[in-house]
Amino acid sequence: DVEMAWNKLRNQRIIAKAQSQIEKRARW
C-alpha cells in the first residue's frame, strides 16, 4: 500500500508512525 499512499501525499518528506496504543512511540 505504501507506494500508492506516498504518491497521493506528494510531499518531499513523510512521517511514518506505527499505530499502537503504547505511549511514547518515538522513544521505541
PDB file of all heavy atoms in Angstrom:
ATOM      1  N   ASP A   1       0.816  -1.226   0.000  1.00  0.00           N
ATOM      2  CA  ASP A   1       0.000   0.000   0.000  1.00  0.00           C
ATOM      3  C   ASP A   1       0.843   1.267   0.000  1.00  0.00           C
ATOM      4  O   ASP A   1       0.320   2.363  -0.226  1.00  0.00           O
ATOM      5  CB  ASP A   1      -0.890   0.039   1.261  1.00  0.00           C
ATOM      6  CG  ASP A   1      -1.841  -1.133   1.361  1.00  0.00           C
ATOM      7  OD1 ASP A   1      -2.252  -1.652   0.308  1.00  0.00           O
ATOM      8  OD2 ASP A   1      -2.177  -1.525   2.497  1.00  0.00           O
ATOM      9  N   VAL A   2       2.142   1.129   0.262  1.00  0.00           N
ATOM     10  CA  VAL A   2       2.971   2.302   0.555  1.00  0.00           C
ATOM     11  C   VAL A   2       3.138   3.203  -0.654  1.00  0.00           C
ATOM     12  O   VAL A   2       3.000   4.434  -0.552  1.00  0.00           O
ATOM     13  CB  VAL A   2       4.350   1.863   1.097  1.00  0.00           C
ATOM     14  CG1 VAL A   2       5.271   3.072   1.254  1.00  0.00           C
ATOM     15  CG2 VAL A   2       4.192   1.146   2.425  1.00  0.00           C
ATOM     16  N   GLU A   3       3.436   2.647  -1.819  1.00  0.00           N
ATOM     17  CA  GLU A   3       3.711   3.487  -2.986  1.00  0.00           C
ATOM     18  C   GLU A   3       2.506   4.329  -3.365  1.00  0.00           C
ATOM     19  O   GLU A   3       2.630   5.523  -3.675  1.00  0.00           O
ATOM     20  CB  GLU A   3       4.155   2.624  -4.166  1.00  0.00           C
ATOM     21  CG  GLU A   3       4.579   3.453  -5.369  1.00  0.00           C
ATOM     22  CD  GLU A   3       5.305   2.641  -6.425  1.00  0.00           C
ATOM     23  OE1 GLU A   3       5.491   1.422  -6.209  1.00  0.00           O
ATOM     24  OE2 GLU A   3       5.705   3.221  -7.449  1.00  0.00           O
ATOM     25  N   MET A   4       1.319   3.735  -3.348  1.00  0.00           N
ATOM     26  CA  MET A   4       0.107   4.490  -3.679  1.00  0.00           C
ATOM     27  C   MET A   4      -0.111   5.620  -2.666  1.00  0.00           C
ATOM     28  O   MET A   4      -0.433   6.753  -3.040  1.00  0.00           O
ATOM     29  CB  MET A   4      -1.105   3.573  -3.695  1.00  0.00           C
ATOM     30  CG  MET A   4      -2.409   4.287  -4.060  1.00  0.00           C
ATOM     31  SD  MET A   4      -3.841   3.185  -4.104  1.00  0.00           S
ATOM     32  CE  MET A   4      -3.987   2.781  -2.354  1.00  0.00           C
ATOM     33  N   ALA A   5       0.095   5.313  -1.378  1.00  0.00           N
ATOM     34  CA  ALA A   5      -0.076   6.333  -0.346  1.00  0.00           C
ATOM     35  C   ALA A   5       0.946   7.452  -0.517  1.00  0.00           C
ATOM     36  O   ALA A   5       0.626   8.641  -0.399  1.00  0.00           O
ATOM     37  CB  ALA A   5       0.053   5.695   1.032  1.00  0.00           C
ATOM     38  N   TRP A   6       2.196   7.082  -0.793  1.00  0.00           N
ATOM     39  CA  TRP A   6       3.265   8.068  -0.997  1.00  0.00           C
ATOM     40  C   TRP A   6       2.918   9.015  -2.143  1.00  0.00           C
ATOM     41  O   TRP A   6       3.068  10.239  -2.020  1.00  0.00           O
ATOM     42  CB  TRP A   6       4.579   7.337  -1.269  1.00  0.00           C
ATOM     43  CG  TRP A   6       5.770   8.242  -1.410  1.00  0.00           C
ATOM     44  CD1 TRP A   6       6.151   8.935  -2.531  1.00  0.00           C
ATOM     45  CD2 TRP A   6       6.724   8.570  -0.401  1.00  0.00           C
ATOM     46  NE1 TRP A   6       7.281   9.662  -2.286  1.00  0.00           N
ATOM     47  CE2 TRP A   6       7.649   9.461  -0.983  1.00  0.00           C
ATOM     48  CE3 TRP A   6       6.885   8.193   0.938  1.00  0.00           C
ATOM     49  CZ2 TRP A   6       8.732   9.980  -0.270  1.00  0.00           C
ATOM     50  CZ3 TRP A   6       7.961   8.713   1.638  1.00  0.00           C
ATOM     51  CH2 TRP A   6       8.874   9.594   1.036  1.00  0.00           C
ATOM     52  N   ASN A   7       2.452   8.452  -3.240  1.00  0.00           N
ATOM     53  CA  ASN A   7       2.118   9.272  -4.414  1.00  0.00           C
ATOM     54  C   ASN A   7       0.923  10.181  -4.140  1.00  0.00           C
ATOM     55  O   ASN A   7       0.855  11.299  -4.661  1.00  0.00           O
ATOM     56  CB  ASN A   7       1.837   8.367  -5.617  1.00  0.00           C
ATOM     57  CG  ASN A   7       3.084   7.665  -6.112  1.00  0.00           C
ATOM     58  OD1 ASN A   7       4.197   8.149  -5.931  1.00  0.00           O
ATOM     59  ND2 ASN A   7       2.916   6.515  -6.741  1.00  0.00           N
ATOM     60  N   LYS A   8      -0.018   9.733  -3.342  1.00  0.00           N
ATOM     61  CA  LYS A   8      -1.177  10.562  -3.014  1.00  0.00           C
ATOM     62  C   LYS A   8      -0.786  11.736  -2.117  1.00  0.00           C
ATOM     63  O   LYS A   8      -1.300  12.851  -2.275  1.00  0.00           O
ATOM     64  CB  LYS A   8      -2.252   9.721  -2.326  1.00  0.00           C
ATOM     65  CG  LYS A   8      -3.082   8.874  -3.273  1.00  0.00           C
ATOM     66  CD  LYS A   8      -4.225   8.202  -2.534  1.00  0.00           C
ATOM     67  CE  LYS A   8      -5.121   7.437  -3.489  1.00  0.00           C
ATOM     68  NZ  LYS A   8      -6.255   6.794  -2.779  1.00  0.00           N
ATOM     69  N   LEU A   9       0.141  11.499  -1.199  1.00  0.00           N
ATOM     70  CA  LEU A   9       0.562  12.568  -0.298  1.00  0.00           C
ATOM     71  C   LEU A   9       1.435  13.600  -1.004  1.00  0.00           C
ATOM     72  O   LEU A   9       1.436  14.776  -0.659  1.00  0.00           O
ATOM     73  CB  LEU A   9       1.311  11.975   0.903  1.00  0.00           C
ATOM     74  CG  LEU A   9       0.441  11.158   1.865  1.00  0.00           C
ATOM     75  CD1 LEU A   9       1.295  10.475   2.920  1.00  0.00           C
ATOM     76  CD2 LEU A   9      -0.612  12.029   2.533  1.00  0.00           C
ATOM     77  N   ARG A  10       2.209  13.165  -1.964  1.00  0.00           N
ATOM     78  CA  ARG A  10       3.032  14.051  -2.806  1.00  0.00           C
ATOM     79  C   ARG A  10       3.770  15.112  -1.987  1.00  0.00           C
ATOM     80  O   ARG A  10       3.570  16.311  -2.160  1.00  0.00           O
ATOM     81  CB  ARG A  10       2.170  14.711  -3.886  1.00  0.00           C
ATOM     82  CG  ARG A  10       1.739  13.756  -4.967  1.00  0.00           C
ATOM     83  CD  ARG A  10       1.137  14.474  -6.149  1.00  0.00           C
ATOM     84  NE  ARG A  10      -0.204  14.954  -5.886  1.00  0.00           N
ATOM     85  CZ  ARG A  10      -0.976  15.533  -6.789  1.00  0.00           C
ATOM     86  NH1 ARG A  10      -0.540  15.715  -8.012  1.00  0.00           N
ATOM     87  NH2 ARG A  10      -2.185  15.943  -6.478  1.00  0.00           N
ATOM     88  N   ASN A  11       4.604  14.642  -1.097  1.00  0.00           N
ATOM     89  CA  ASN A  11       5.379  15.546  -0.254  1.00  0.00           C
ATOM     90  C   ASN A  11       6.831  15.085  -0.235  1.00  0.00           C
ATOM     91  O   ASN A  11       7.112  13.895  -0.387  1.00  0.00           O
ATOM     92  CB  ASN A  11       4.823  15.558   1.177  1.00  0.00           C
ATOM     93  CG  ASN A  11       5.123  16.840   1.913  1.00  0.00           C
ATOM     94  OD1 ASN A  11       4.768  17.919   1.442  1.00  0.00           O
ATOM     95  ND2 ASN A  11       5.760  16.734   3.058  1.00  0.00           N
ATOM     96  N   GLN A  12       7.761  16.020  -0.065  1.00  0.00           N
ATOM     97  CA  GLN A  12       9.170  15.643  -0.080  1.00  0.00           C
ATOM     98  C   GLN A  12       9.549  14.786   1.109  1.00  0.00           C
ATOM     99  O   GLN A  12      10.420  13.927   1.024  1.00  0.00           O
ATOM    100  CB  GLN A  12      10.045  16.902  -0.115  1.00  0.00           C
ATOM    101  CG  GLN A  12       9.979  17.644  -1.441  1.00  0.00           C
ATOM    102  CD  GLN A  12      10.923  18.833  -1.467  1.00  0.00           C
ATOM    103  OE1 GLN A  12      11.368  19.301  -0.430  1.00  0.00           O
ATOM    104  NE2 GLN A  12      11.225  19.311  -2.663  1.00  0.00           N
ATOM    105  N   ARG A  13       8.894  15.019   2.236  1.00  0.00           N
ATOM    106  CA  ARG A  13       9.154  14.218   3.427  1.00  0.00           C
ATOM    107  C   ARG A  13       7.831  13.763   4.053  1.00  0.00           C
ATOM    108  O   ARG A  13       6.851  14.511   4.049  1.00  0.00           O
ATOM    109  CB  ARG A  13       9.983  15.009   4.446  1.00  0.00           C
ATOM    110  CG  ARG A  13      11.445  15.139   4.053  1.00  0.00           C
ATOM    111  CD  ARG A  13      12.259  15.793   5.162  1.00  0.00           C
ATOM    112  NE  ARG A  13      11.992  17.217   5.240  1.00  0.00           N
ATOM    113  CZ  ARG A  13      12.523  18.023   6.154  1.00  0.00           C
ATOM    114  NH1 ARG A  13      13.319  17.531   7.087  1.00  0.00           N
ATOM    115  NH2 ARG A  13      12.257  19.315   6.158  1.00  0.00           N
ATOM    116  N   ILE A  14       7.861  12.551   4.571  1.00  0.00           N
ATOM    117  CA  ILE A  14       6.676  11.942   5.167  1.00  0.00           C
ATOM    118  C   ILE A  14       7.044  11.449   6.561  1.00  0.00           C
ATOM    119  O   ILE A  14       8.155  10.983   6.802  1.00  0.00           O
ATOM    120  CB  ILE A  14       6.189  10.744   4.306  1.00  0.00           C
ATOM    121  CG1 ILE A  14       5.837  11.190   2.884  1.00  0.00           C
ATOM    122  CG2 ILE A  14       5.013  10.040   4.969  1.00  0.00           C
ATOM    123  CD1 ILE A  14       4.646  12.111   2.786  1.00  0.00           C
ATOM    124  N   ILE A  15       6.093  11.535   7.480  1.00  0.00           N
ATOM    125  CA  ILE A  15       6.275  10.934   8.798  1.00  0.00           C
ATOM    126  C   ILE A  15       5.550   9.592   8.808  1.00  0.00           C
ATOM    127  O   ILE A  15       4.350   9.527   8.512  1.00  0.00           O
ATOM    128  CB  ILE A  15       5.712  11.823   9.919  1.00  0.00           C
ATOM    129  CG1 ILE A  15       6.301  13.223   9.857  1.00  0.00           C
ATOM    130  CG2 ILE A  15       5.995  11.201  11.280  1.00  0.00           C
ATOM    131  CD1 ILE A  15       5.727  14.165  10.895  1.00  0.00           C
ATOM    132  N   ALA A  16       6.280   8.537   9.105  1.00  0.00           N
ATOM    133  CA  ALA A  16       5.686   7.205   9.249  1.00  0.00           C
ATOM    134  C   ALA A  16       5.527   6.909  10.730  1.00  0.00           C
ATOM    135  O   ALA A  16       6.493   6.987  11.492  1.00  0.00           O
ATOM    136  CB  ALA A  16       6.563   6.158   8.570  1.00  0.00           C
ATOM    137  N   LYS A  17       4.309   6.578  11.156  1.00  0.00           N
ATOM    138  CA  LYS A  17       4.022   6.368  12.575  1.00  0.00           C
ATOM    139  C   LYS A  17       3.379   5.001  12.781  1.00  0.00           C
ATOM    140  O   LYS A  17       2.291   4.732  12.246  1.00  0.00           O
ATOM    141  CB  LYS A  17       3.061   7.448  13.091  1.00  0.00           C
ATOM    142  CG  LYS A  17       3.537   8.873  12.924  1.00  0.00           C
ATOM    143  CD  LYS A  17       2.473   9.839  13.432  1.00  0.00           C
ATOM    144  CE  LYS A  17       2.883  11.288  13.339  1.00  0.00           C
ATOM    145  NZ  LYS A  17       1.812  12.186  13.832  1.00  0.00           N
ATOM    146  N   ALA A  18       4.047   4.157  13.545  1.00  0.00           N
ATOM    147  CA  ALA A  18       3.447   2.875  13.909  1.00  0.00           C
ATOM    148  C   ALA A  18       2.160   3.128  14.683  1.00  0.00           C
ATOM    149  O   ALA A  18       2.134   3.951  15.601  1.00  0.00           O
ATOM    150  CB  ALA A  18       4.428   2.058  14.742  1.00  0.00           C
ATOM    151  N   GLN A  19       1.099   2.415  14.314  1.00  0.00           N
ATOM    152  CA  GLN A  19      -0.168   2.583  15.003  1.00  0.00           C
ATOM    153  C   GLN A  19      -0.264   1.575  16.141  1.00  0.00           C
ATOM    154  O   GLN A  19      -0.413   0.368  15.929  1.00  0.00           O
ATOM    155  CB  GLN A  19      -1.333   2.437  14.026  1.00  0.00           C
ATOM    156  CG  GLN A  19      -1.358   3.525  12.967  1.00  0.00           C
ATOM    157  CD  GLN A  19      -1.503   4.913  13.581  1.00  0.00           C
ATOM    158  OE1 GLN A  19      -2.602   5.340  13.927  1.00  0.00           O
ATOM    159  NE2 GLN A  19      -0.394   5.632  13.735  1.00  0.00           N
ATOM    160  N   SER A  20      -0.136   2.076  17.341  1.00  0.00           N
ATOM    161  CA  SER A  20      -0.128   1.246  18.532  1.00  0.00           C
ATOM    162  C   SER A  20      -0.652   2.067  19.699  1.00  0.00           C
ATOM    163  O   SER A  20      -0.523   3.296  19.705  1.00  0.00           O
ATOM    164  CB  SER A  20       1.298   0.749  18.837  1.00  0.00           C
ATOM    165  OG  SER A  20       1.354   0.109  20.092  1.00  0.00           O
ATOM    166  N   GLN A  21      -1.262   1.420  20.660  1.00  0.00           N
ATOM    167  CA  GLN A  21      -1.787   2.128  21.817  1.00  0.00           C
ATOM    168  C   GLN A  21      -0.728   2.379  22.884  1.00  0.00           C
ATOM    169  O   GLN A  21      -1.016   2.975  23.912  1.00  0.00           O
ATOM    170  CB  GLN A  21      -2.963   1.342  22.412  1.00  0.00           C
ATOM    171  CG  GLN A  21      -4.180   1.336  21.496  1.00  0.00           C
ATOM    172  CD  GLN A  21      -5.322   0.529  22.056  1.00  0.00           C
ATOM    173  OE1 GLN A  21      -5.104  -0.409  22.816  1.00  0.00           O
ATOM    174  NE2 GLN A  21      -6.544   0.885  21.689  1.00  0.00           N
ATOM    175  N   ILE A  22       0.504   1.949  22.626  1.00  0.00           N
ATOM    176  CA  ILE A  22       1.575   2.239  23.572  1.00  0.00           C
ATOM    177  C   ILE A  22       1.898   3.723  23.532  1.00  0.00           C
ATOM    178  O   ILE A  22       1.693   4.394  22.515  1.00  0.00           O
ATOM    179  CB  ILE A  22       2.849   1.419  23.280  1.00  0.00           C
ATOM    180  CG1 ILE A  22       3.448   1.845  21.926  1.00  0.00           C
ATOM    181  CG2 ILE A  22       2.574  -0.057  23.316  1.00  0.00           C
ATOM    182  CD1 ILE A  22       4.855   1.349  21.727  1.00  0.00           C
ATOM    183  N   GLU A  23       2.391   4.238  24.637  1.00  0.00           N
ATOM    184  CA  GLU A  23       2.767   5.644  24.714  1.00  0.00           C
ATOM    185  C   GLU A  23       4.220   5.825  24.269  1.00  0.00           C
ATOM    186  O   GLU A  23       5.020   4.899  24.286  1.00  0.00           O
ATOM    187  CB  GLU A  23       2.582   6.165  26.139  1.00  0.00           C
ATOM    188  CG  GLU A  23       1.135   6.109  26.611  1.00  0.00           C
ATOM    189  CD  GLU A  23       0.980   6.597  28.031  1.00  0.00           C
ATOM    190  OE1 GLU A  23       2.006   6.810  28.700  1.00  0.00           O
ATOM    191  OE2 GLU A  23      -0.171   6.749  28.474  1.00  0.00           O
ATOM    192  N   LYS A  24       4.540   7.030  23.859  1.00  0.00           N
ATOM    193  CA  LYS A  24       5.926   7.405  23.543  1.00  0.00           C
ATOM    194  C   LYS A  24       6.523   6.516  22.456  1.00  0.00           C
ATOM    195  O   LYS A  24       7.609   5.966  22.585  1.00  0.00           O
ATOM    196  CB  LYS A  24       6.784   7.384  24.805  1.00  0.00           C
ATOM    197  CG  LYS A  24       6.159   8.112  25.984  1.00  0.00           C
ATOM    198  CD  LYS A  24       6.907   7.853  27.258  1.00  0.00           C
ATOM    199  CE  LYS A  24       6.163   8.398  28.456  1.00  0.00           C
ATOM    200  NZ  LYS A  24       4.921   7.669  28.753  1.00  0.00           N
ATOM    201  N   ARG A  25       5.795   6.363  21.335  1.00  0.00           N
ATOM    202  CA  ARG A  25       6.268   5.501  20.239  1.00  0.00           C
ATOM    203  C   ARG A  25       7.621   5.926  19.708  1.00  0.00           C
ATOM    204  O   ARG A  25       8.426   5.100  19.296  1.00  0.00           O
ATOM    205  CB  ARG A  25       5.250   5.522  19.085  1.00  0.00           C
ATOM    206  CG  ARG A  25       3.972   4.787  19.351  1.00  0.00           C
ATOM    207  CD  ARG A  25       2.935   5.139  18.312  1.00  0.00           C
ATOM    208  NE  ARG A  25       2.607   6.560  18.372  1.00  0.00           N
ATOM    209  CZ  ARG A  25       1.929   7.191  17.424  1.00  0.00           C
ATOM    210  NH1 ARG A  25       1.562   6.556  16.334  1.00  0.00           N
ATOM    211  NH2 ARG A  25       1.648   8.466  17.547  1.00  0.00           N
ATOM    212  N   ALA A  26       7.869   7.240  19.685  1.00  0.00           N
ATOM    213  CA  ALA A  26       9.143   7.722  19.118  1.00  0.00           C
ATOM    214  C   ALA A  26      10.328   7.162  19.901  1.00  0.00           C
ATOM    215  O   ALA A  26      11.357   6.816  19.308  1.00  0.00           O
ATOM    216  CB  ALA A  26       9.176   9.245  19.122  1.00  0.00           C
ATOM    217  N   ARG A  27      10.181   7.061  21.205  1.00  0.00           N
ATOM    218  CA  ARG A  27      11.276   6.539  22.033  1.00  0.00           C
ATOM    219  C   ARG A  27      11.622   5.110  21.635  1.00  0.00           C
ATOM    220  O   ARG A  27      12.778   4.699  21.674  1.00  0.00           O
ATOM    221  CB  ARG A  27      10.885   6.593  23.501  1.00  0.00           C
ATOM    222  CG  ARG A  27      11.815   5.781  24.386  1.00  0.00           C
ATOM    223  CD  ARG A  27      11.381   5.793  25.831  1.00  0.00           C
ATOM    224  NE  ARG A  27      11.708   7.052  26.474  1.00  0.00           N
ATOM    225  CZ  ARG A  27      11.580   7.248  27.794  1.00  0.00           C
ATOM    226  NH1 ARG A  27      11.128   6.284  28.555  1.00  0.00           N
ATOM    227  NH2 ARG A  27      11.904   8.406  28.330  1.00  0.00           N
ATOM    228  N   TRP A  28      10.606   4.329  21.242  1.00  0.00           N
ATOM    229  CA  TRP A  28      10.812   2.914  20.938  1.00  0.00           C
ATOM    230  C   TRP A  28      10.988   2.659  19.448  1.00  0.00           C
ATOM    231  O   TRP A  28      10.892   1.518  18.997  1.00  0.00           O
ATOM    232  CB  TRP A  28       9.636   2.098  21.484  1.00  0.00           C
ATOM    233  CG  TRP A  28       9.364   2.363  22.926  1.00  0.00           C
ATOM    234  CD1 TRP A  28       8.273   2.988  23.452  1.00  0.00           C
ATOM    235  CD2 TRP A  28      10.206   2.033  24.035  1.00  0.00           C
ATOM    236  NE1 TRP A  28       8.369   3.081  24.820  1.00  0.00           N
ATOM    237  CE2 TRP A  28       9.542   2.496  25.206  1.00  0.00           C
ATOM    238  CE3 TRP A  28      11.443   1.398  24.162  1.00  0.00           C
ATOM    239  CZ2 TRP A  28      10.095   2.340  26.474  1.00  0.00           C
ATOM    240  CZ3 TRP A  28      11.977   1.245  25.434  1.00  0.00           C
ATOM    241  CH2 TRP A  28      11.307   1.704  26.556  1.00  0.00           C
TER     242      TRP A  28
END
